[in-house]
Amino acid sequence: MEFEGIVIRSTPFRDHDAMVTVLSNDKMRSFLVRGALKYNSKLGPSVNMYTKSRFQISRGKEGYALRSGEILESYKNIKTDIDCLAVEDFLGEATNKLVQSEDAPEIYPFLERGLQLLDSGFSPYTVALIYFAKVLNVAGYSLNVDSCQICGKTEQIIALSYKDGGFICRDCFSSLKHSKWDPNKLKLMRYIFKVGVENFDKVEFAKEDCLTIIKELSKFLDSVAQLNLKSIDLLKKI
C-alpha cells in the first residue's frame, strides 16, 4: 500500500523501533517502523515528526510495517524559529487529541497548508488560531457564527457567548448573562471558523489577539469536553 501523509505521532517501541501515526488526505494510518530510532536508520528520516512523506507499507504478523519512505517536505525552516516550533507542537497535539480518522479528508488540507505557511514565515499565531477553529469544527465543538444562537437572527449581532454556543443578537442579549464584544473581534471569530483553506493566508492577525482567542477557545473546549491542551501553556509563555 502506498500513500502520502504527515507524521503526527511517533512512539518508541521495543529497543529501536517506533509506532508511527500518519494523517493523510483520506484517513489516519498507524504502522511499525523497524530501526526508526537508530542514528543511521534509512527509514527514520521519513517518519520524523511533522514530516510529509510518501510511504509504502505492508501487512505482516505484527500488523502494518513500513517498507520504504520518501521525504516530500521536511518544513526545515520551522525548526529554526521558536514560535513556529511551539505552534507546530500545538497543531500536533490538537490533531492527536481531537481529530478522528474519518475527519482526515476535512482537516488534512488545513494541517498541510498550516505547516507550509509556518515554513514560509507567515504569522505562526494566525496559523494556530485558524487551525484550532478548524479542529473544533471537525470535532463537533464548533460555535455558531452565522446567526444568533438563541433566535436565529443574522443582524445586530453584538456578542458571542461560549456558554450558549455562538453569536448573540441585540434582542437576545442579557446584561446578566452576556458581555458585549468589540465588532472587530466578532468579525475575527466568524472569519476563523468560516475561512477556507484556499484563503488560509489571506489575513494575518496580531499575536496578542490570537493568543487571547486561543485561550478563550481552550477554556471553552475544557468546559464542553473536559480536555486540556498542554501545548497552549508554551504558546502563552513565548
C-alpha atoms as a PDB file:
ATOM      1  CA  MET A   1       0.000   0.000   0.000  1.00  0.00           C
ATOM      2  CA  GLU A   2       1.354   3.433  -0.949  1.00  0.00           C
ATOM      3  CA  PHE A   3       0.148   6.800   0.312  1.00  0.00           C
ATOM      4  CA  GLU A   4       1.309  10.294   1.254  1.00  0.00           C
ATOM      5  CA  GLY A   5       0.827  11.928   4.620  1.00  0.00           C
ATOM      6  CA  ILE A   6       2.170  13.891   7.560  1.00  0.00           C
ATOM      7  CA  VAL A   7       3.612  12.206  10.656  1.00  0.00           C
ATOM      8  CA  ILE A   8       1.615  13.310  13.711  1.00  0.00           C
ATOM      9  CA  ARG A   9       2.719  10.750  16.325  1.00  0.00           C
ATOM     10  CA  SER A  10       5.784   8.614  16.967  1.00  0.00           C
ATOM     11  CA  THR A  11       6.024   6.287  19.961  1.00  0.00           C
ATOM     12  CA  PRO A  12       9.149   4.230  20.815  1.00  0.00           C
ATOM     13  CA  PHE A  13       8.531   0.505  20.538  1.00  0.00           C
ATOM     14  CA  ARG A  14      10.999  -2.112  21.780  1.00  0.00           C
ATOM     15  CA  ASP A  15      14.655  -1.055  21.572  1.00  0.00           C
ATOM     16  CA  HIS A  16      14.996   0.792  18.271  1.00  0.00           C
ATOM     17  CA  ASP A  17      11.579   0.615  16.631  1.00  0.00           C
ATOM     18  CA  ALA A  18       8.707   3.097  16.627  1.00  0.00           C
ATOM     19  CA  MET A  19       4.959   3.039  16.127  1.00  0.00           C
ATOM     20  CA  VAL A  20       4.074   5.921  13.838  1.00  0.00           C
ATOM     21  CA  THR A  21       0.738   7.557  13.055  1.00  0.00           C
ATOM     22  CA  VAL A  22       0.289   9.451   9.797  1.00  0.00           C
ATOM     23  CA  LEU A  23      -2.523  11.775   8.802  1.00  0.00           C
ATOM     24  CA  SER A  24      -3.272  11.600   5.094  1.00  0.00           C
ATOM     25  CA  ASN A  25      -5.988  13.071   2.918  1.00  0.00           C
ATOM     26  CA  ASP A  26      -8.340  10.123   3.453  1.00  0.00           C
ATOM     27  CA  LYS A  27      -7.661   8.671   6.924  1.00  0.00           C
ATOM     28  CA  MET A  28      -5.162   8.100   9.717  1.00  0.00           C
ATOM     29  CA  ARG A  29      -2.822   5.154   9.488  1.00  0.00           C
ATOM     30  CA  SER A  30      -0.546   3.638  12.125  1.00  0.00           C
ATOM     31  CA  PHE A  31       2.331   1.292  11.375  1.00  0.00           C
ATOM     32  CA  LEU A  32       5.582  -0.085  12.755  1.00  0.00           C
ATOM     33  CA  VAL A  33       8.909   1.358  11.636  1.00  0.00           C
ATOM     34  CA  ARG A  34      11.738  -1.057  12.377  1.00  0.00           C
ATOM     35  CA  GLY A  35      15.009   0.564  13.359  1.00  0.00           C
ATOM     36  CA  ALA A  36      13.489   4.043  13.277  1.00  0.00           C
ATOM     37  CA  LEU A  37      15.384   5.145  16.392  1.00  0.00           C
ATOM     38  CA  LYS A  38      18.830   4.068  15.197  1.00  0.00           C
ATOM     39  CA  TYR A  39      21.090   7.010  14.280  1.00  0.00           C
ATOM     40  CA  ASN A  40      21.835   5.512  10.861  1.00  0.00           C
ATOM     41  CA  SER A  41      18.280   4.365  10.100  1.00  0.00           C
ATOM     42  CA  LYS A  42      17.315   4.540   6.437  1.00  0.00           C
ATOM     43  CA  LEU A  43      13.635   4.745   7.311  1.00  0.00           C
ATOM     44  CA  GLY A  44      13.958   7.115  10.274  1.00  0.00           C
ATOM     45  CA  PRO A  45      14.160  10.473   8.432  1.00  0.00           C
ATOM     46  CA  SER A  46      10.894   9.859   6.570  1.00  0.00           C
ATOM     47  CA  VAL A  47       8.997   9.418   9.853  1.00  0.00           C
ATOM     48  CA  ASN A  48      10.338  12.418  11.743  1.00  0.00           C
ATOM     49  CA  MET A  49       7.554  14.347  13.428  1.00  0.00           C
ATOM     50  CA  TYR A  50       5.563  16.671  11.137  1.00  0.00           C
ATOM     51  CA  THR A  51       7.408  15.471   8.043  1.00  0.00           C
ATOM     52  CA  LYS A  52       5.389  14.887   4.885  1.00  0.00           C
ATOM     53  CA  SER A  53       6.480  11.702   3.158  1.00  0.00           C
ATOM     54  CA  ARG A  54       5.402   9.073   0.678  1.00  0.00           C
ATOM     55  CA  PHE A  55       5.110   5.713   2.414  1.00  0.00           C
ATOM     56  CA  GLN A  56       4.913   2.104   1.321  1.00  0.00           C
ATOM     57  CA  ILE A  57       3.625  -0.256   3.983  1.00  0.00           C
ATOM     58  CA  SER A  58       2.836  -3.944   4.005  1.00  0.00           C
ATOM     59  CA  ARG A  59       0.966  -6.213   6.383  1.00  0.00           C
ATOM     60  CA  GLY A  60       2.751  -8.907   8.350  1.00  0.00           C
ATOM     61  CA  LYS A  61       2.323 -10.913  11.540  1.00  0.00           C
ATOM     62  CA  GLU A  62       2.588  -7.787  13.739  1.00  0.00           C
ATOM     63  CA  GLY A  63       0.318  -5.632  11.599  1.00  0.00           C
ATOM     64  CA  TYR A  64       1.394  -2.994   9.112  1.00  0.00           C
ATOM     65  CA  ALA A  65       5.069  -2.108   8.828  1.00  0.00           C
ATOM     66  CA  LEU A  66       6.933   0.474   6.773  1.00  0.00           C
ATOM     67  CA  ARG A  67       8.771  -0.872   3.735  1.00  0.00           C
ATOM     68  CA  SER A  68      10.030   2.431   2.331  1.00  0.00           C
ATOM     69  CA  GLY A  69       9.641   6.143   2.959  1.00  0.00           C
ATOM     70  CA  GLU A  70      10.443   9.138   0.767  1.00  0.00           C
ATOM     71  CA  ILE A  71      10.534  12.638   2.252  1.00  0.00           C
ATOM     72  CA  LEU A  72       8.385  15.064   0.286  1.00  0.00           C
ATOM     73  CA  GLU A  73       8.646  18.042   2.640  1.00  0.00           C
ATOM     74  CA  SER A  74      10.544  18.418   5.909  1.00  0.00           C
ATOM     75  CA  TYR A  75       9.484  22.017   6.639  1.00  0.00           C
ATOM     76  CA  LYS A  76      13.028  22.687   7.813  1.00  0.00           C
ATOM     77  CA  ASN A  77      12.561  26.426   8.359  1.00  0.00           C
ATOM     78  CA  ILE A  78      10.131  25.723  11.191  1.00  0.00           C
ATOM     79  CA  LYS A  79      12.961  24.151  13.178  1.00  0.00           C
ATOM     80  CA  THR A  80      14.846  27.479  13.326  1.00  0.00           C
ATOM     81  CA  ASP A  81      12.069  29.569  14.921  1.00  0.00           C
ATOM     82  CA  ILE A  82      10.882  29.032  18.486  1.00  0.00           C
ATOM     83  CA  ASP A  83       7.419  30.484  17.824  1.00  0.00           C
ATOM     84  CA  CYS A  84       6.917  28.182  14.841  1.00  0.00           C
ATOM     85  CA  LEU A  85       8.125  25.182  16.833  1.00  0.00           C
ATOM     86  CA  ALA A  86       5.654  25.955  19.613  1.00  0.00           C
ATOM     87  CA  VAL A  87       2.807  26.318  17.123  1.00  0.00           C
ATOM     88  CA  GLU A  88       3.837  23.133  15.320  1.00  0.00           C
ATOM     89  CA  ASP A  89       3.618  21.279  18.635  1.00  0.00           C
ATOM     90  CA  PHE A  90       0.191  22.824  19.242  1.00  0.00           C
ATOM     91  CA  LEU A  91      -1.073  21.716  15.819  1.00  0.00           C
ATOM     92  CA  GLY A  92       0.133  18.204  16.530  1.00  0.00           C
ATOM     93  CA  GLU A  93      -1.453  17.953  19.976  1.00  0.00           C
ATOM     94  CA  ALA A  94      -4.763  19.367  18.755  1.00  0.00           C
ATOM     95  CA  THR A  95      -4.783  16.866  15.884  1.00  0.00           C
ATOM     96  CA  ASN A  96      -3.935  13.883  18.052  1.00  0.00           C
ATOM     97  CA  LYS A  97      -6.457  14.682  20.779  1.00  0.00           C
ATOM     98  CA  LEU A  98      -9.405  15.930  18.743  1.00  0.00           C
ATOM     99  CA  VAL A  99      -9.278  14.533  15.214  1.00  0.00           C
ATOM    100  CA  GLN A 100     -10.656  11.098  14.322  1.00  0.00           C
ATOM    101  CA  SER A 101      -9.658   9.082  11.262  1.00  0.00           C
ATOM    102  CA  GLU A 102     -12.936   9.877   9.499  1.00  0.00           C
ATOM    103  CA  ASP A 103     -12.177  13.604   9.901  1.00  0.00           C
ATOM    104  CA  ALA A 104      -8.953  13.334   7.861  1.00  0.00           C
ATOM    105  CA  PRO A 105     -10.354  14.486   4.482  1.00  0.00           C
ATOM    106  CA  GLU A 106     -11.599  17.707   6.071  1.00  0.00           C
ATOM    107  CA  ILE A 107      -8.674  18.569   8.350  1.00  0.00           C
ATOM    108  CA  TYR A 108      -5.662  17.294   6.363  1.00  0.00           C
ATOM    109  CA  PRO A 109      -5.643  20.233   3.875  1.00  0.00           C
ATOM    110  CA  PHE A 110      -5.532  22.687   6.784  1.00  0.00           C
ATOM    111  CA  LEU A 111      -2.675  20.855   8.528  1.00  0.00           C
ATOM    112  CA  GLU A 112      -0.671  20.656   5.324  1.00  0.00           C
ATOM    113  CA  ARG A 113      -1.308  24.319   4.483  1.00  0.00           C
ATOM    114  CA  GLY A 114      -0.600  25.373   8.053  1.00  0.00           C
ATOM    115  CA  LEU A 115       2.820  23.716   8.009  1.00  0.00           C
ATOM    116  CA  GLN A 116       3.573  25.278   4.626  1.00  0.00           C
ATOM    117  CA  LEU A 117       2.726  28.721   5.983  1.00  0.00           C
ATOM    118  CA  LEU A 118       4.817  28.230   9.121  1.00  0.00           C
ATOM    119  CA  ASP A 119       7.724  27.188   6.938  1.00  0.00           C
ATOM    120  CA  SER A 120       7.330  30.265   4.708  1.00  0.00           C
ATOM    121  CA  GLY A 121       7.322  32.815   7.533  1.00  0.00           C
ATOM    122  CA  PHE A 122       3.603  33.529   7.756  1.00  0.00           C
ATOM    123  CA  SER A 123       2.261  34.601  11.171  1.00  0.00           C
ATOM    124  CA  PRO A 124       2.541  31.437  13.337  1.00  0.00           C
ATOM    125  CA  TYR A 125      -0.158  32.540  15.765  1.00  0.00           C
ATOM    126  CA  THR A 126      -2.624  33.169  12.953  1.00  0.00           C
ATOM    127  CA  VAL A 127      -1.921  29.614  11.797  1.00  0.00           C
ATOM    128  CA  ALA A 128      -2.510  28.312  15.331  1.00  0.00           C
ATOM    129  CA  LEU A 129      -5.771  30.220  15.744  1.00  0.00           C
ATOM    130  CA  ILE A 130      -7.320  29.223  12.414  1.00  0.00           C
ATOM    131  CA  TYR A 131      -6.245  25.600  12.748  1.00  0.00           C
ATOM    132  CA  PHE A 132      -7.678  25.433  16.274  1.00  0.00           C
ATOM    133  CA  ALA A 133     -11.037  26.659  14.970  1.00  0.00           C
ATOM    134  CA  LYS A 134     -10.983  24.076  12.181  1.00  0.00           C
ATOM    135  CA  VAL A 135     -10.163  21.254  14.589  1.00  0.00           C
ATOM    136  CA  LEU A 136     -13.005  22.322  16.872  1.00  0.00           C
ATOM    137  CA  ASN A 137     -15.280  22.264  13.815  1.00  0.00           C
ATOM    138  CA  VAL A 138     -14.458  18.688  12.830  1.00  0.00           C
ATOM    139  CA  ALA A 139     -14.528  17.509  16.443  1.00  0.00           C
ATOM    140  CA  GLY A 140     -18.095  18.754  16.859  1.00  0.00           C
ATOM    141  CA  TYR A 141     -17.287  21.659  19.179  1.00  0.00           C
ATOM    142  CA  SER A 142     -17.916  24.480  16.752  1.00  0.00           C
ATOM    143  CA  LEU A 143     -19.559  27.787  17.610  1.00  0.00           C
ATOM    144  CA  ASN A 144     -22.491  29.270  15.707  1.00  0.00           C
ATOM    145  CA  VAL A 145     -21.012  32.306  13.953  1.00  0.00           C
ATOM    146  CA  ASP A 146     -23.718  32.562  11.290  1.00  0.00           C
ATOM    147  CA  SER A 147     -26.652  33.817  13.360  1.00  0.00           C
ATOM    148  CA  CYS A 148     -27.899  34.418  16.865  1.00  0.00           C
ATOM    149  CA  GLN A 149     -27.685  31.173  18.768  1.00  0.00           C
ATOM    150  CA  ILE A 150     -30.940  31.928  20.587  1.00  0.00           C
ATOM    151  CA  CYS A 151     -33.318  33.335  17.965  1.00  0.00           C
ATOM    152  CA  GLY A 152     -31.527  32.754  14.650  1.00  0.00           C
ATOM    153  CA  LYS A 153     -31.381  36.421  13.631  1.00  0.00           C
ATOM    154  CA  THR A 154     -28.418  37.296  11.387  1.00  0.00           C
ATOM    155  CA  GLU A 155     -28.432  41.048  12.056  1.00  0.00           C
ATOM    156  CA  GLN A 156     -27.479  43.212  15.047  1.00  0.00           C
ATOM    157  CA  ILE A 157     -25.034  40.656  16.469  1.00  0.00           C
ATOM    158  CA  ILE A 158     -23.359  42.260  19.486  1.00  0.00           C
ATOM    159  CA  ALA A 159     -21.837  39.386  21.464  1.00  0.00           C
ATOM    160  CA  LEU A 160     -20.641  35.813  21.453  1.00  0.00           C
ATOM    161  CA  SER A 161     -21.478  33.501  24.328  1.00  0.00           C
ATOM    162  CA  TYR A 162     -19.304  30.428  24.843  1.00  0.00           C
ATOM    163  CA  LYS A 163     -21.892  29.110  27.291  1.00  0.00           C
ATOM    164  CA  ASP A 164     -24.733  29.467  24.777  1.00  0.00           C
ATOM    165  CA  GLY A 165     -22.528  28.285  21.908  1.00  0.00           C
ATOM    166  CA  GLY A 166     -22.429  31.190  19.497  1.00  0.00           C
ATOM    167  CA  PHE A 167     -23.443  34.685  18.454  1.00  0.00           C
ATOM    168  CA  ILE A 168     -25.981  36.694  20.436  1.00  0.00           C
ATOM    169  CA  CYS A 169     -28.080  39.460  18.867  1.00  0.00           C
ATOM    170  CA  ARG A 170     -29.171  42.713  20.468  1.00  0.00           C
ATOM    171  CA  ASP A 171     -32.703  41.426  21.185  1.00  0.00           C
ATOM    172  CA  CYS A 172     -31.458  38.297  22.968  1.00  0.00           C
ATOM    173  CA  PHE A 173     -28.607  39.975  24.816  1.00  0.00           C
ATOM    174  CA  SER A 174     -28.844  39.864  28.619  1.00  0.00           C
ATOM    175  CA  SER A 175     -26.545  42.001  30.733  1.00  0.00           C
ATOM    176  CA  LEU A 176     -26.818  39.363  33.450  1.00  0.00           C
ATOM    177  CA  LYS A 177     -25.523  36.586  31.178  1.00  0.00           C
ATOM    178  CA  HIS A 178     -23.562  38.230  28.384  1.00  0.00           C
ATOM    179  CA  SER A 179     -20.816  40.767  27.739  1.00  0.00           C
ATOM    180  CA  LYS A 180     -20.772  42.926  24.627  1.00  0.00           C
ATOM    181  CA  TRP A 181     -17.981  42.212  22.159  1.00  0.00           C
ATOM    182  CA  ASP A 182     -15.982  44.563  20.006  1.00  0.00           C
ATOM    183  CA  PRO A 183     -17.290  44.338  16.402  1.00  0.00           C
ATOM    184  CA  ASN A 184     -13.796  43.558  15.101  1.00  0.00           C
ATOM    185  CA  LYS A 185     -13.475  40.625  17.494  1.00  0.00           C
ATOM    186  CA  LEU A 186     -16.819  39.291  16.307  1.00  0.00           C
ATOM    187  CA  LYS A 187     -15.610  39.539  12.700  1.00  0.00           C
ATOM    188  CA  LEU A 188     -12.396  37.724  13.655  1.00  0.00           C
ATOM    189  CA  MET A 189     -14.368  34.883  15.242  1.00  0.00           C
ATOM    190  CA  ARG A 190     -16.565  34.486  12.197  1.00  0.00           C
ATOM    191  CA  TYR A 191     -13.536  34.553   9.919  1.00  0.00           C
ATOM    192  CA  ILE A 192     -11.548  31.820  11.658  1.00  0.00           C
ATOM    193  CA  PHE A 193     -14.484  29.406  11.730  1.00  0.00           C
ATOM    194  CA  LYS A 194     -15.621  30.089   8.151  1.00  0.00           C
ATOM    195  CA  VAL A 195     -12.409  30.670   6.152  1.00  0.00           C
ATOM    196  CA  GLY A 196     -11.497  28.009   3.584  1.00  0.00           C
ATOM    197  CA  VAL A 197      -8.062  26.511   3.118  1.00  0.00           C
ATOM    198  CA  GLU A 198      -7.583  28.497  -0.100  1.00  0.00           C
ATOM    199  CA  ASN A 199      -7.721  31.739   1.946  1.00  0.00           C
ATOM    200  CA  PHE A 200      -5.730  30.496   4.949  1.00  0.00           C
ATOM    201  CA  ASP A 201      -3.061  33.142   4.331  1.00  0.00           C
ATOM    202  CA  LYS A 202      -5.367  35.993   3.330  1.00  0.00           C
ATOM    203  CA  VAL A 203      -5.195  37.823   6.684  1.00  0.00           C
ATOM    204  CA  GLU A 204      -2.604  37.927   9.461  1.00  0.00           C
ATOM    205  CA  PHE A 205      -3.781  38.742  12.981  1.00  0.00           C
ATOM    206  CA  ALA A 206      -1.791  40.291  15.830  1.00  0.00           C
ATOM    207  CA  LYS A 207      -0.118  37.787  18.145  1.00  0.00           C
ATOM    208  CA  GLU A 208      -1.899  39.084  21.255  1.00  0.00           C
ATOM    209  CA  ASP A 209      -5.306  38.903  19.568  1.00  0.00           C
ATOM    210  CA  CYS A 210      -4.605  35.325  18.504  1.00  0.00           C
ATOM    211  CA  LEU A 211      -3.448  34.271  21.964  1.00  0.00           C
ATOM    212  CA  THR A 212      -6.489  35.876  23.591  1.00  0.00           C
ATOM    213  CA  ILE A 213      -8.889  33.896  21.394  1.00  0.00           C
ATOM    214  CA  ILE A 214      -6.854  30.690  21.677  1.00  0.00           C
ATOM    215  CA  LYS A 215      -7.036  30.910  25.473  1.00  0.00           C
ATOM    216  CA  GLU A 216     -10.780  31.559  25.333  1.00  0.00           C
ATOM    217  CA  LEU A 217     -11.340  28.642  22.946  1.00  0.00           C
ATOM    218  CA  SER A 218      -9.209  26.449  25.195  1.00  0.00           C
ATOM    219  CA  LYS A 219     -11.435  27.247  28.172  1.00  0.00           C
ATOM    220  CA  PHE A 220     -14.485  26.588  26.005  1.00  0.00           C
ATOM    221  CA  LEU A 221     -13.062  23.195  24.970  1.00  0.00           C
ATOM    222  CA  ASP A 222     -12.331  22.313  28.580  1.00  0.00           C
ATOM    223  CA  SER A 223     -15.887  23.224  29.578  1.00  0.00           C
ATOM    224  CA  VAL A 224     -17.589  21.130  26.874  1.00  0.00           C
ATOM    225  CA  ALA A 225     -15.161  18.211  26.611  1.00  0.00           C
ATOM    226  CA  GLN A 226     -13.027  18.320  29.774  1.00  0.00           C
ATOM    227  CA  LEU A 227      -9.988  18.377  27.513  1.00  0.00           C
ATOM    228  CA  ASN A 228      -6.877  20.443  28.156  1.00  0.00           C
ATOM    229  CA  LEU A 229      -4.226  21.101  25.503  1.00  0.00           C
ATOM    230  CA  LYS A 230      -0.895  21.343  27.341  1.00  0.00           C
ATOM    231  CA  SER A 231       0.915  22.944  24.410  1.00  0.00           C
ATOM    232  CA  ILE A 232      -1.146  26.117  24.866  1.00  0.00           C
ATOM    233  CA  ASP A 233       0.857  26.821  28.041  1.00  0.00           C
ATOM    234  CA  LEU A 234       4.025  27.081  25.948  1.00  0.00           C
ATOM    235  CA  LEU A 235       2.331  29.418  23.455  1.00  0.00           C
ATOM    236  CA  LYS A 236       1.375  31.751  26.306  1.00  0.00           C
ATOM    237  CA  LYS A 237       4.950  31.828  27.674  1.00  0.00           C
ATOM    238  CA  ILE A 238       6.732  32.768  24.448  1.00  0.00           C
END
